Amino acid sequence: MLKLAAVLFALATAAHAQVAPSASELGAYTGLFAAAARGDAAEVAKLAAAGADVKARDARGRTPLHVAAFARRHAAMRALVKAGADPNALENDRYDIVTIAAVANDVPTLEAALALGALATNVTSRYDGTALIAAAHLGNVEVVRVLIEAKAPLDHVNNLGWTALIESIVLGDGGPRHTATLAELVVAGANVNIADRNGMTPLHLAESHGYRTMAEILKQSGAR
């Protein structure tokens, strides 16, 4: 029953995840948005110097910086922030460039975002989560490592009552990537005994899903 609930939630989450610009949106972009999408840092600088608004928004609330992050255009990202773009801006679904990169399992863009002043501590998405929770959900291990190094909050609880540790279990598959994600969180000092809203601890959740390796890691770390 727990596994079914997790699967249903994962499907619902996917329906409300961040949305990259579509082909039609990319084709309709002009000015800074078009320059950001194609990674033309020189054009970004030129347009910004001429007064273009680096904080402009498209129909989904994306700024040119969001567009550049989705497109993995690091030079354009740097040019936009240099011109005054907010590296911590949220689009309509409340995603920032750190979470965009984390969900995409895109370490280079994540590192570029952090270098530009984007914060791993931002509360993002309609679930009041963090980039770390999103990465743990997906089992994006290297992203999790980078976010931990960037001081992402290990024990943040989203509005579903779940931490990154819990999401690595209930929205994972118990396989190598999610197990490694859980191990990274435990080694970093995540609280292994924060329970969900039903009083289920990470250990109980891992055992109920039949994830023996996860359960053993938790037991060795003092989980109850």
N, C-alpha and C. Protein backbone atom coordinates (compact mmCIF):
# COMPACT_ATOMS: atom_id res chain seq x y z
N MET A 1 0.83 -1.21 0.00
CA MET A 1 0.00 0.00 0.00
C MET A 1 0.86 1.26 0.00
N LEU A 2 1.93 1.24 0.83
CA LEU A 2 2.85 2.38 0.86
C LEU A 2 3.51 2.58 -0.49
N LYS A 3 3.93 1.47 -1.11
CA LYS A 3 4.59 1.56 -2.41
C LYS A 3 3.65 2.13 -3.45
N LEU A 4 2.39 1.69 -3.45
CA LEU A 4 1.41 2.19 -4.41
C LEU A 4 1.19 3.68 -4.21
N ALA A 5 1.09 4.11 -2.96
CA ALA A 5 0.89 5.53 -2.68
C ALA A 5 2.06 6.35 -3.19
N ALA A 6 3.27 5.83 -3.01
CA ALA A 6 4.46 6.54 -3.47
C ALA A 6 4.48 6.64 -4.99
N VAL A 7 4.10 5.57 -5.67
CA VAL A 7 4.06 5.59 -7.14
C VAL A 7 3.05 6.60 -7.64
N LEU A 8 1.88 6.60 -7.02
CA LEU A 8 0.83 7.55 -7.42
C LEU A 8 1.28 8.98 -7.19
N PHE A 9 1.96 9.21 -6.05
CA PHE A 9 2.44 10.56 -5.78
C PHE A 9 3.50 10.96 -6.80
N ALA A 10 4.39 10.04 -7.14
CA ALA A 10 5.45 10.35 -8.10
C ALA A 10 4.86 10.73 -9.45
N LEU A 11 3.80 10.03 -9.86
CA LEU A 11 3.14 10.36 -11.11
C LEU A 11 2.50 11.74 -11.04
N ALA A 12 1.87 12.04 -9.90
CA ALA A 12 1.25 13.35 -9.73
C ALA A 12 2.30 14.45 -9.72
N THR A 13 3.43 14.17 -9.07
CA THR A 13 4.51 15.15 -9.01
C THR A 13 5.04 15.44 -10.41
N ALA A 14 5.19 14.39 -11.21
CA ALA A 14 5.71 14.58 -12.56
C ALA A 14 4.81 15.50 -13.38
N ALA A 15 3.50 15.43 -13.11
CA ALA A 15 2.57 16.26 -13.85
C ALA A 15 2.70 17.73 -13.49
N HIS A 16 3.30 18.03 -12.34
CA HIS A 16 3.41 19.41 -11.88
C HIS A 16 4.86 19.85 -11.75
N ALA A 17 5.77 19.14 -12.42
CA ALA A 17 7.18 19.47 -12.30
C ALA A 17 7.50 20.73 -13.10
N GLN A 18 8.71 21.22 -12.92
CA GLN A 18 9.16 22.38 -13.68
C GLN A 18 9.04 22.11 -15.17
N VAL A 19 8.82 23.17 -15.91
CA VAL A 19 8.57 23.02 -17.34
C VAL A 19 9.60 23.82 -18.12
N ALA A 20 10.41 23.14 -18.91
CA ALA A 20 11.37 23.82 -19.78
C ALA A 20 10.63 24.50 -20.93
N PRO A 21 11.20 25.54 -21.50
CA PRO A 21 10.56 26.17 -22.66
C PRO A 21 10.33 25.17 -23.78
N SER A 22 9.15 25.21 -24.35
CA SER A 22 8.82 24.31 -25.45
C SER A 22 9.45 24.82 -26.74
N ALA A 23 9.39 23.99 -27.77
CA ALA A 23 9.94 24.40 -29.06
C ALA A 23 9.23 25.64 -29.58
N SER A 24 7.92 25.70 -29.38
CA SER A 24 7.18 26.88 -29.86
C SER A 24 7.55 28.12 -29.07
N GLU A 25 7.75 27.96 -27.77
CA GLU A 25 8.17 29.11 -26.96
C GLU A 25 9.56 29.58 -27.37
N LEU A 26 10.46 28.64 -27.58
CA LEU A 26 11.82 29.01 -28.00
C LEU A 26 11.78 29.74 -29.33
N GLY A 27 10.93 29.28 -30.23
CA GLY A 27 10.82 29.92 -31.54
C GLY A 27 10.23 31.32 -31.48
N ALA A 28 9.42 31.57 -30.44
CA ALA A 28 8.78 32.88 -30.31
C ALA A 28 9.60 33.88 -29.51
N TYR A 29 10.62 33.41 -28.83
CA TYR A 29 11.43 34.31 -28.01
C TYR A 29 12.15 35.34 -28.87
N THR A 30 12.27 36.55 -28.32
CA THR A 30 13.04 37.61 -28.94
C THR A 30 13.94 38.23 -27.88
N GLY A 31 14.82 39.11 -28.28
CA GLY A 31 15.61 39.88 -27.33
C GLY A 31 16.43 39.02 -26.39
N LEU A 32 16.40 39.37 -25.11
CA LEU A 32 17.20 38.67 -24.11
C LEU A 32 16.82 37.20 -24.00
N PHE A 33 15.55 36.90 -24.13
CA PHE A 33 15.13 35.50 -24.03
C PHE A 33 15.74 34.66 -25.15
N ALA A 34 15.72 35.21 -26.36
CA ALA A 34 16.31 34.48 -27.48
C ALA A 34 17.82 34.34 -27.32
N ALA A 35 18.47 35.42 -26.89
CA ALA A 35 19.92 35.37 -26.70
C ALA A 35 20.29 34.38 -25.61
N ALA A 36 19.50 34.35 -24.53
CA ALA A 36 19.76 33.41 -23.44
C ALA A 36 19.59 31.98 -23.92
N ALA A 37 18.56 31.72 -24.68
CA ALA A 37 18.27 30.37 -25.14
C ALA A 37 19.37 29.84 -26.05
N ARG A 38 19.95 30.69 -26.86
CA ARG A 38 21.00 30.21 -27.77
C ARG A 38 22.40 30.38 -27.18
N GLY A 39 22.47 30.96 -25.99
CA GLY A 39 23.75 31.08 -25.31
C GLY A 39 24.65 32.18 -25.84
N ASP A 40 24.05 33.22 -26.37
CA ASP A 40 24.82 34.32 -26.95
C ASP A 40 25.14 35.36 -25.87
N ALA A 41 26.24 35.14 -25.16
CA ALA A 41 26.59 36.02 -24.04
C ALA A 41 26.88 37.44 -24.50
N ALA A 42 27.50 37.59 -25.67
CA ALA A 42 27.81 38.93 -26.18
C ALA A 42 26.52 39.71 -26.46
N GLU A 43 25.54 39.02 -27.04
CA GLU A 43 24.26 39.68 -27.32
C GLU A 43 23.53 40.02 -26.03
N VAL A 44 23.63 39.13 -25.04
CA VAL A 44 23.03 39.42 -23.73
C VAL A 44 23.61 40.70 -23.17
N ALA A 45 24.93 40.81 -23.18
CA ALA A 45 25.59 42.00 -22.64
C ALA A 45 25.19 43.25 -23.43
N LYS A 46 25.13 43.13 -24.74
CA LYS A 46 24.76 44.26 -25.60
C LYS A 46 23.34 44.73 -25.32
N LEU A 47 22.41 43.79 -25.25
CA LEU A 47 21.01 44.14 -25.02
C LEU A 47 20.82 44.74 -23.63
N ALA A 48 21.48 44.15 -22.63
CA ALA A 48 21.36 44.67 -21.27
C ALA A 48 21.92 46.08 -21.18
N ALA A 49 23.04 46.33 -21.83
CA ALA A 49 23.64 47.66 -21.82
C ALA A 49 22.73 48.68 -22.49
N ALA A 50 21.92 48.21 -23.43
CA ALA A 50 21.00 49.10 -24.14
C ALA A 50 19.68 49.28 -23.39
N GLY A 51 19.56 48.64 -22.22
CA GLY A 51 18.39 48.84 -21.38
C GLY A 51 17.39 47.71 -21.33
N ALA A 52 17.69 46.59 -21.96
CA ALA A 52 16.77 45.45 -21.89
C ALA A 52 16.66 44.97 -20.45
N ASP A 53 15.48 44.52 -20.08
CA ASP A 53 15.20 44.14 -18.70
C ASP A 53 15.63 42.70 -18.44
N VAL A 54 16.71 42.53 -17.69
CA VAL A 54 17.21 41.18 -17.41
C VAL A 54 16.29 40.42 -16.44
N LYS A 55 15.34 41.12 -15.84
CA LYS A 55 14.40 40.48 -14.92
C LYS A 55 13.03 40.28 -15.55
N ALA A 56 12.95 40.42 -16.86
CA ALA A 56 11.68 40.22 -17.57
C ALA A 56 11.19 38.79 -17.39
N ARG A 57 9.90 38.59 -17.58
CA ARG A 57 9.29 37.27 -17.39
C ARG A 57 8.53 36.86 -18.64
N ASP A 58 8.57 35.55 -18.95
CA ASP A 58 7.72 35.04 -20.02
C ASP A 58 6.38 34.61 -19.43
N ALA A 59 5.57 33.94 -20.21
CA ALA A 59 4.21 33.59 -19.77
C ALA A 59 4.20 32.64 -18.58
N ARG A 60 5.26 31.89 -18.38
CA ARG A 60 5.34 30.97 -17.24
C ARG A 60 6.20 31.53 -16.11
N GLY A 61 6.50 32.82 -16.20
CA GLY A 61 7.26 33.46 -15.14
C GLY A 61 8.75 33.19 -15.19
N ARG A 62 9.23 32.60 -16.29
CA ARG A 62 10.66 32.36 -16.42
C ARG A 62 11.37 33.67 -16.78
N THR A 63 12.52 33.90 -16.17
CA THR A 63 13.38 34.99 -16.58
C THR A 63 14.34 34.48 -17.66
N PRO A 64 15.05 35.38 -18.34
CA PRO A 64 16.07 34.90 -19.27
C PRO A 64 17.09 33.97 -18.59
N LEU A 65 17.36 34.20 -17.30
CA LEU A 65 18.30 33.33 -16.59
C LEU A 65 17.75 31.92 -16.44
N HIS A 66 16.46 31.79 -16.15
CA HIS A 66 15.85 30.45 -16.11
C HIS A 66 16.01 29.76 -17.47
N VAL A 67 15.74 30.52 -18.52
CA VAL A 67 15.83 29.96 -19.87
C VAL A 67 17.26 29.49 -20.17
N ALA A 68 18.24 30.31 -19.79
CA ALA A 68 19.64 29.93 -20.01
C ALA A 68 20.00 28.69 -19.21
N ALA A 69 19.49 28.58 -18.00
CA ALA A 69 19.77 27.39 -17.17
C ALA A 69 19.16 26.14 -17.77
N PHE A 70 17.92 26.23 -18.22
CA PHE A 70 17.30 25.08 -18.87
C PHE A 70 18.11 24.64 -20.09
N ALA A 71 18.66 25.63 -20.82
CA ALA A 71 19.41 25.34 -22.05
C ALA A 71 20.88 25.02 -21.79
N ARG A 72 21.30 25.09 -20.52
CA ARG A 72 22.69 24.80 -20.14
C ARG A 72 23.68 25.77 -20.80
N ARG A 73 23.28 27.04 -20.85
CA ARG A 73 24.08 28.08 -21.48
C ARG A 73 24.81 28.87 -20.39
N HIS A 74 25.97 28.39 -20.00
CA HIS A 74 26.65 28.94 -18.83
C HIS A 74 27.20 30.34 -19.06
N ALA A 75 27.73 30.60 -20.24
CA ALA A 75 28.24 31.94 -20.53
C ALA A 75 27.11 32.96 -20.50
N ALA A 76 25.97 32.60 -21.04
CA ALA A 76 24.82 33.49 -21.01
C ALA A 76 24.34 33.70 -19.58
N MET A 77 24.37 32.65 -18.77
CA MET A 77 24.01 32.78 -17.36
C MET A 77 24.91 33.81 -16.67
N ARG A 78 26.20 33.69 -16.91
CA ARG A 78 27.14 34.62 -16.29
C ARG A 78 26.90 36.06 -16.76
N ALA A 79 26.64 36.21 -18.05
CA ALA A 79 26.39 37.55 -18.59
C ALA A 79 25.12 38.16 -18.01
N LEU A 80 24.11 37.35 -17.83
CA LEU A 80 22.85 37.84 -17.27
C LEU A 80 23.01 38.29 -15.82
N VAL A 81 23.69 37.49 -15.02
CA VAL A 81 23.90 37.86 -13.62
C VAL A 81 24.79 39.09 -13.52
N LYS A 82 25.80 39.18 -14.37
CA LYS A 82 26.67 40.36 -14.38
C LYS A 82 25.86 41.62 -14.70
N ALA A 83 24.81 41.44 -15.53
CA ALA A 83 23.96 42.58 -15.91
C ALA A 83 22.86 42.87 -14.90
N GLY A 84 22.78 42.06 -13.83
CA GLY A 84 21.81 42.35 -12.78
C GLY A 84 20.70 41.34 -12.59
N ALA A 85 20.73 40.23 -13.30
CA ALA A 85 19.71 39.19 -13.11
C ALA A 85 19.82 38.61 -11.71
N ASP A 86 18.68 38.25 -11.14
CA ASP A 86 18.62 37.67 -9.79
C ASP A 86 18.86 36.17 -9.87
N PRO A 87 19.97 35.67 -9.33
CA PRO A 87 20.24 34.23 -9.43
C PRO A 87 19.32 33.37 -8.58
N ASN A 88 18.52 34.01 -7.72
CA ASN A 88 17.61 33.25 -6.85
C ASN A 88 16.14 33.47 -7.19
N ALA A 89 15.88 34.03 -8.37
CA ALA A 89 14.50 34.26 -8.79
C ALA A 89 13.76 32.94 -8.96
N LEU A 90 12.47 32.95 -8.66
CA LEU A 90 11.60 31.79 -8.84
C LEU A 90 10.65 32.04 -9.99
N GLU A 91 10.40 31.01 -10.80
CA GLU A 91 9.38 31.14 -11.84
C GLU A 91 8.02 30.78 -11.26
N ASN A 92 6.99 30.72 -12.10
CA ASN A 92 5.63 30.59 -11.60
C ASN A 92 5.40 29.35 -10.74
N ASP A 93 6.08 28.25 -11.06
CA ASP A 93 5.96 27.03 -10.26
C ASP A 93 6.97 26.99 -9.13
N ARG A 94 7.63 28.14 -8.91
CA ARG A 94 8.55 28.36 -7.78
C ARG A 94 9.83 27.53 -7.88
N TYR A 95 10.33 27.39 -9.09
CA TYR A 95 11.63 26.76 -9.28
C TYR A 95 12.70 27.82 -9.53
N ASP A 96 13.88 27.59 -8.96
CA ASP A 96 15.03 28.45 -9.21
C ASP A 96 16.02 27.70 -10.09
N ILE A 97 17.12 28.36 -10.45
CA ILE A 97 18.06 27.71 -11.37
C ILE A 97 18.81 26.55 -10.71
N VAL A 98 18.96 26.59 -9.39
CA VAL A 98 19.59 25.46 -8.69
C VAL A 98 18.71 24.21 -8.80
N THR A 99 17.42 24.37 -8.56
CA THR A 99 16.52 23.22 -8.64
C THR A 99 16.35 22.74 -10.08
N ILE A 100 16.35 23.68 -11.02
CA ILE A 100 16.30 23.29 -12.43
C ILE A 100 17.47 22.37 -12.77
N ALA A 101 18.66 22.76 -12.37
CA ALA A 101 19.85 21.94 -12.64
C ALA A 101 19.82 20.63 -11.86
N ALA A 102 19.33 20.68 -10.61
CA ALA A 102 19.29 19.48 -9.78
C ALA A 102 18.36 18.43 -10.36
N VAL A 103 17.20 18.84 -10.82
CA VAL A 103 16.24 17.91 -11.40
C VAL A 103 16.77 17.33 -12.71
N ALA A 104 17.48 18.16 -13.47
CA ALA A 104 18.03 17.70 -14.75
C ALA A 104 19.28 16.84 -14.59
N ASN A 105 19.74 16.66 -13.35
CA ASN A 105 20.97 15.91 -13.08
C ASN A 105 22.14 16.54 -13.83
N ASP A 106 22.16 17.87 -13.83
CA ASP A 106 23.10 18.65 -14.62
C ASP A 106 24.10 19.32 -13.68
N VAL A 107 25.16 18.60 -13.35
CA VAL A 107 26.15 19.11 -12.39
C VAL A 107 26.86 20.36 -12.89
N PRO A 108 27.30 20.45 -14.15
CA PRO A 108 27.96 21.67 -14.60
C PRO A 108 27.09 22.93 -14.45
N THR A 109 25.81 22.81 -14.80
CA THR A 109 24.93 23.97 -14.66
C THR A 109 24.67 24.28 -13.19
N LEU A 110 24.56 23.25 -12.37
CA LEU A 110 24.41 23.46 -10.93
C LEU A 110 25.61 24.21 -10.38
N GLU A 111 26.80 23.77 -10.73
CA GLU A 111 28.00 24.44 -10.23
C GLU A 111 28.10 25.86 -10.74
N ALA A 112 27.68 26.09 -12.00
CA ALA A 112 27.67 27.45 -12.53
C ALA A 112 26.70 28.32 -11.77
N ALA A 113 25.53 27.78 -11.46
CA ALA A 113 24.52 28.53 -10.72
C ALA A 113 25.02 28.91 -9.33
N LEU A 114 25.61 27.96 -8.64
CA LEU A 114 26.12 28.23 -7.29
C LEU A 114 27.24 29.27 -7.33
N ALA A 115 28.09 29.20 -8.34
CA ALA A 115 29.17 30.17 -8.47
C ALA A 115 28.65 31.58 -8.72
N LEU A 116 27.45 31.67 -9.26
CA LEU A 116 26.85 32.97 -9.55
C LEU A 116 26.04 33.53 -8.39
N GLY A 117 26.03 32.82 -7.27
CA GLY A 117 25.32 33.31 -6.10
C GLY A 117 23.96 32.69 -5.86
N ALA A 118 23.58 31.71 -6.66
CA ALA A 118 22.35 30.98 -6.38
C ALA A 118 22.55 30.14 -5.13
N LEU A 119 21.51 30.01 -4.33
CA LEU A 119 21.63 29.37 -3.02
C LEU A 119 21.01 27.97 -2.99
N ALA A 120 21.73 27.06 -2.36
CA ALA A 120 21.21 25.70 -2.17
C ALA A 120 20.18 25.66 -1.04
N THR A 121 20.00 26.76 -0.35
CA THR A 121 19.07 26.82 0.79
C THR A 121 17.68 27.30 0.40
N ASN A 122 17.49 27.68 -0.85
CA ASN A 122 16.19 28.21 -1.26
C ASN A 122 15.07 27.19 -1.08
N VAL A 123 13.92 27.66 -0.63
CA VAL A 123 12.71 26.82 -0.58
C VAL A 123 12.00 27.00 -1.91
N THR A 124 11.81 25.90 -2.61
CA THR A 124 11.29 25.96 -3.98
C THR A 124 10.15 24.98 -4.18
N SER A 125 9.43 25.17 -5.26
CA SER A 125 8.34 24.33 -5.75
C SER A 125 7.09 24.49 -4.89
N ARG A 126 5.99 24.01 -5.43
CA ARG A 126 4.70 24.07 -4.72
C ARG A 126 4.69 23.17 -3.49
N TYR A 127 5.72 22.33 -3.37
CA TYR A 127 5.82 21.43 -2.22
C TYR A 127 6.68 22.02 -1.10
N ASP A 128 7.06 23.29 -1.24
CA ASP A 128 7.92 23.94 -0.22
C ASP A 128 9.14 23.07 0.07
N GLY A 129 9.74 22.58 -1.00
CA GLY A 129 10.89 21.70 -0.86
C GLY A 129 12.20 22.44 -1.07
N THR A 130 13.21 21.69 -1.45
CA THR A 130 14.53 22.24 -1.76
C THR A 130 15.10 21.47 -2.95
N ALA A 131 16.16 22.02 -3.52
CA ALA A 131 16.83 21.30 -4.61
C ALA A 131 17.34 19.94 -4.13
N LEU A 132 17.77 19.88 -2.87
CA LEU A 132 18.28 18.61 -2.33
C LEU A 132 17.18 17.56 -2.26
N ILE A 133 16.01 17.95 -1.83
CA ILE A 133 14.89 17.00 -1.78
C ILE A 133 14.56 16.50 -3.19
N ALA A 134 14.54 17.42 -4.15
CA ALA A 134 14.24 17.03 -5.54
C ALA A 134 15.30 16.06 -6.06
N ALA A 135 16.56 16.33 -5.78
CA ALA A 135 17.63 15.46 -6.26
C ALA A 135 17.59 14.10 -5.58
N ALA A 136 17.26 14.08 -4.29
CA ALA A 136 17.16 12.82 -3.56
C ALA A 136 16.00 11.97 -4.10
N HIS A 137 14.90 12.60 -4.38
CA HIS A 137 13.75 11.93 -4.98
C HIS A 137 14.16 11.19 -6.25
N LEU A 138 15.00 11.84 -7.07
CA LEU A 138 15.38 11.28 -8.36
C LEU A 138 16.62 10.38 -8.30
N GLY A 139 17.31 10.37 -7.16
CA GLY A 139 18.52 9.57 -7.05
C GLY A 139 19.68 10.15 -7.83
N ASN A 140 19.73 11.48 -7.93
CA ASN A 140 20.81 12.16 -8.64
C ASN A 140 21.98 12.35 -7.68
N VAL A 141 22.80 11.32 -7.57
CA VAL A 141 23.79 11.22 -6.49
C VAL A 141 24.82 12.34 -6.52
N GLU A 142 25.41 12.60 -7.68
CA GLU A 142 26.45 13.62 -7.74
C GLU A 142 25.87 15.00 -7.44
N VAL A 143 24.66 15.25 -7.89
CA VAL A 143 23.99 16.50 -7.56
C VAL A 143 23.81 16.61 -6.05
N VAL A 144 23.41 15.52 -5.43
CA VAL A 144 23.25 15.51 -3.97
C VAL A 144 24.57 15.86 -3.29
N ARG A 145 25.66 15.30 -3.77
CA ARG A 145 26.98 15.60 -3.19
C ARG A 145 27.30 17.09 -3.30
N VAL A 146 27.05 17.66 -4.48
CA VAL A 146 27.35 19.08 -4.69
C VAL A 146 26.48 19.95 -3.79
N LEU A 147 25.22 19.61 -3.66
CA LEU A 147 24.31 20.39 -2.82
C LEU A 147 24.68 20.29 -1.34
N ILE A 148 25.09 19.11 -0.91
CA ILE A 148 25.54 18.97 0.48
C ILE A 148 26.75 19.86 0.73
N GLU A 149 27.69 19.85 -0.21
CA GLU A 149 28.88 20.69 -0.09
C GLU A 149 28.49 22.17 -0.06
N ALA A 150 27.41 22.52 -0.75
CA ALA A 150 26.93 23.91 -0.80
C ALA A 150 26.05 24.27 0.40
N LYS A 151 26.00 23.39 1.40
CA LYS A 151 25.28 23.64 2.65
C LYS A 151 23.76 23.62 2.48
N ALA A 152 23.29 22.78 1.58
CA ALA A 152 21.84 22.59 1.49
C ALA A 152 21.33 22.06 2.82
N PRO A 153 20.14 22.48 3.25
CA PRO A 153 19.61 22.00 4.53
C PRO A 153 19.27 20.52 4.47
N LEU A 154 19.92 19.73 5.29
CA LEU A 154 19.77 18.27 5.24
C LEU A 154 18.42 17.80 5.74
N ASP A 155 17.85 18.52 6.70
CA ASP A 155 16.65 18.03 7.37
C ASP A 155 15.42 18.88 7.09
N HIS A 156 15.44 19.65 6.01
CA HIS A 156 14.26 20.43 5.65
C HIS A 156 13.08 19.48 5.41
N VAL A 157 11.93 19.84 5.95
CA VAL A 157 10.71 19.04 5.78
C VAL A 157 9.77 19.80 4.85
N ASN A 158 9.38 19.18 3.75
CA ASN A 158 8.49 19.87 2.82
C ASN A 158 7.04 19.77 3.28
N ASN A 159 6.12 20.34 2.50
CA ASN A 159 4.73 20.38 2.96
C ASN A 159 4.01 19.05 2.82
N LEU A 160 4.74 18.02 2.40
CA LEU A 160 4.22 16.64 2.43
C LEU A 160 4.67 15.91 3.68
N GLY A 161 5.53 16.59 4.45
CA GLY A 161 6.06 15.98 5.67
C GLY A 161 7.27 15.11 5.42
N TRP A 162 7.95 15.32 4.30
CA TRP A 162 9.07 14.47 3.92
C TRP A 162 10.38 15.26 3.86
N THR A 163 11.46 14.63 4.30
CA THR A 163 12.81 15.14 4.15
C THR A 163 13.44 14.55 2.89
N ALA A 164 14.65 15.01 2.57
CA ALA A 164 15.38 14.41 1.44
C ALA A 164 15.62 12.92 1.70
N LEU A 165 15.95 12.58 2.94
CA LEU A 165 16.20 11.18 3.29
C LEU A 165 14.96 10.33 3.05
N ILE A 166 13.83 10.82 3.49
CA ILE A 166 12.58 10.08 3.31
C ILE A 166 12.25 9.95 1.82
N GLU A 167 12.43 11.03 1.06
CA GLU A 167 12.11 10.96 -0.38
C GLU A 167 13.00 9.97 -1.11
N SER A 168 14.26 9.84 -0.68
CA SER A 168 15.14 8.86 -1.33
C SER A 168 14.61 7.45 -1.16
N ILE A 169 13.80 7.25 -0.12
CA ILE A 169 13.21 5.93 0.14
C ILE A 169 11.86 5.80 -0.54
N VAL A 170 10.91 6.67 -0.19
CA VAL A 170 9.53 6.47 -0.62
C VAL A 170 9.30 6.79 -2.09
N LEU A 171 10.16 7.64 -2.68
CA LEU A 171 10.02 7.93 -4.10
C LEU A 171 11.16 7.34 -4.92
N GLY A 172 12.01 6.55 -4.26
CA GLY A 172 13.08 5.85 -4.95
C GLY A 172 12.67 4.43 -5.29
N ASP A 173 13.63 3.69 -5.84
CA ASP A 173 13.35 2.30 -6.22
C ASP A 173 14.17 1.30 -5.43
N GLY A 174 14.93 1.81 -4.43
CA GLY A 174 15.75 0.93 -3.64
C GLY A 174 16.99 0.43 -4.34
N GLY A 175 17.23 0.94 -5.54
CA GLY A 175 18.38 0.51 -6.33
C GLY A 175 19.65 1.27 -5.98
N PRO A 176 20.71 1.07 -6.75
CA PRO A 176 22.02 1.64 -6.42
C PRO A 176 22.02 3.16 -6.30
N ARG A 177 21.33 3.87 -7.19
CA ARG A 177 21.38 5.33 -7.16
C ARG A 177 20.68 5.89 -5.93
N HIS A 178 19.51 5.38 -5.63
CA HIS A 178 18.80 5.89 -4.45
C HIS A 178 19.47 5.44 -3.15
N THR A 179 20.03 4.25 -3.16
CA THR A 179 20.77 3.78 -1.98
C THR A 179 22.00 4.64 -1.75
N ALA A 180 22.73 4.96 -2.83
CA ALA A 180 23.90 5.83 -2.70
C ALA A 180 23.49 7.23 -2.24
N THR A 181 22.35 7.70 -2.71
CA THR A 181 21.84 9.00 -2.28
C THR A 181 21.58 9.00 -0.78
N LEU A 182 20.88 7.97 -0.32
CA LEU A 182 20.62 7.85 1.11
C LEU A 182 21.92 7.81 1.90
N ALA A 183 22.88 7.05 1.43
CA ALA A 183 24.17 6.94 2.13
C ALA A 183 24.87 8.29 2.21
N GLU A 184 24.83 9.07 1.13
CA GLU A 184 25.45 10.41 1.14
C GLU A 184 24.78 11.30 2.18
N LEU A 185 23.49 11.24 2.27
CA LEU A 185 22.76 12.06 3.24
C LEU A 185 23.09 11.64 4.66
N VAL A 186 23.17 10.34 4.90
CA VAL A 186 23.48 9.84 6.24
C VAL A 186 24.89 10.26 6.65
N VAL A 187 25.85 10.07 5.76
CA VAL A 187 27.24 10.43 6.06
C VAL A 187 27.36 11.93 6.33
N ALA A 188 26.56 12.73 5.62
CA ALA A 188 26.60 14.19 5.79
C ALA A 188 25.98 14.64 7.11
N GLY A 189 25.24 13.75 7.75
CA GLY A 189 24.66 14.10 9.04
C GLY A 189 23.16 14.31 9.06
N ALA A 190 22.47 13.87 8.02
CA ALA A 190 21.01 13.98 8.03
C ALA A 190 20.44 13.19 9.21
N ASN A 191 19.40 13.72 9.80
CA ASN A 191 18.74 13.08 10.94
C ASN A 191 18.00 11.84 10.46
N VAL A 192 18.43 10.68 10.93
CA VAL A 192 17.87 9.41 10.44
C VAL A 192 16.58 9.02 11.18
N ASN A 193 16.15 9.84 12.11
CA ASN A 193 14.95 9.48 12.89
C ASN A 193 13.80 10.46 12.76
N ILE A 194 13.89 11.40 11.81
CA ILE A 194 12.73 12.27 11.56
C ILE A 194 11.66 11.43 10.87
N ALA A 195 10.49 11.36 11.49
CA ALA A 195 9.40 10.54 10.95
C ALA A 195 8.51 11.36 10.02
N ASP A 196 7.76 10.66 9.18
CA ASP A 196 6.80 11.33 8.32
C ASP A 196 5.52 11.63 9.12
N ARG A 197 4.51 12.15 8.47
CA ARG A 197 3.29 12.56 9.18
C ARG A 197 2.53 11.38 9.78
N ASN A 198 2.83 10.19 9.30
CA ASN A 198 2.17 9.00 9.85
C ASN A 198 2.99 8.34 10.94
N GLY A 199 4.08 9.03 11.34
CA GLY A 199 4.93 8.48 12.39
C GLY A 199 5.89 7.42 11.92
N MET A 200 6.02 7.26 10.60
CA MET A 200 6.93 6.26 10.04
C MET A 200 8.32 6.86 9.90
N THR A 201 9.30 6.24 10.56
CA THR A 201 10.68 6.71 10.47
C THR A 201 11.30 6.21 9.16
N PRO A 202 12.44 6.78 8.76
CA PRO A 202 13.11 6.27 7.56
C PRO A 202 13.38 4.76 7.62
N LEU A 203 13.76 4.25 8.80
CA LEU A 203 14.02 2.82 8.92
C LEU A 203 12.75 2.02 8.67
N HIS A 204 11.66 2.44 9.27
CA HIS A 204 10.39 1.74 9.07
C HIS A 204 9.98 1.78 7.59
N LEU A 205 10.19 2.93 6.97
CA LEU A 205 9.83 3.07 5.56
C LEU A 205 10.68 2.16 4.68
N ALA A 206 11.99 2.14 4.94
CA ALA A 206 12.88 1.28 4.15
C ALA A 206 12.50 -0.19 4.32
N GLU A 207 12.23 -0.59 5.54
CA GLU A 207 11.85 -1.98 5.80
C GLU A 207 10.51 -2.32 5.15
N SER A 208 9.56 -1.40 5.21
CA SER A 208 8.24 -1.67 4.64
C SER A 208 8.29 -1.79 3.11
N HIS A 209 9.27 -1.12 2.49
CA HIS A 209 9.45 -1.22 1.05
C HIS A 209 10.34 -2.41 0.65
N GLY A 210 10.93 -3.07 1.64
CA GLY A 210 11.81 -4.19 1.34
C GLY A 210 13.19 -3.77 0.87
N TYR A 211 13.60 -2.56 1.23
CA TYR A 211 14.91 -2.04 0.81
C TYR A 211 15.94 -2.38 1.90
N ARG A 212 16.48 -3.58 1.83
CA ARG A 212 17.32 -4.10 2.91
C ARG A 212 18.63 -3.33 3.07
N THR A 213 19.26 -2.97 1.95
CA THR A 213 20.53 -2.25 2.06
C THR A 213 20.32 -0.89 2.69
N MET A 214 19.28 -0.21 2.27
CA MET A 214 18.95 1.08 2.88
C MET A 214 18.70 0.91 4.38
N ALA A 215 17.95 -0.10 4.73
CA ALA A 215 17.64 -0.33 6.13
C ALA A 215 18.90 -0.60 6.94
N GLU A 216 19.83 -1.34 6.37
CA GLU A 216 21.07 -1.65 7.09
C GLU A 216 21.91 -0.39 7.28
N ILE A 217 21.98 0.46 6.27
CA ILE A 217 22.72 1.73 6.40
C ILE A 217 22.11 2.56 7.52
N LEU A 218 20.80 2.61 7.55
CA LEU A 218 20.12 3.40 8.59
C LEU A 218 20.36 2.82 9.97
N LYS A 219 20.29 1.51 10.09
CA LYS A 219 20.52 0.87 11.40
C LYS A 219 21.93 1.17 11.90
N GLN A 220 22.91 1.11 11.02
CA GLN A 220 24.29 1.36 11.41
C GLN A 220 24.51 2.82 11.82
N SER A 221 23.55 3.67 11.46
CA SER A 221 23.67 5.10 11.78
C SER A 221 22.78 5.49 12.95
N GLY A 222 22.25 4.51 13.66
CA GLY A 222 21.46 4.80 14.84
C GLY A 222 19.98 4.99 14.60
N ALA A 223 19.49 4.59 13.43
CA ALA A 223 18.07 4.75 13.15
C ALA A 223 17.26 3.78 13.99
N ARG A 224 16.07 4.24 14.34
CA ARG A 224 15.17 3.42 15.15
C ARG A 224 13.84 3.21 14.42
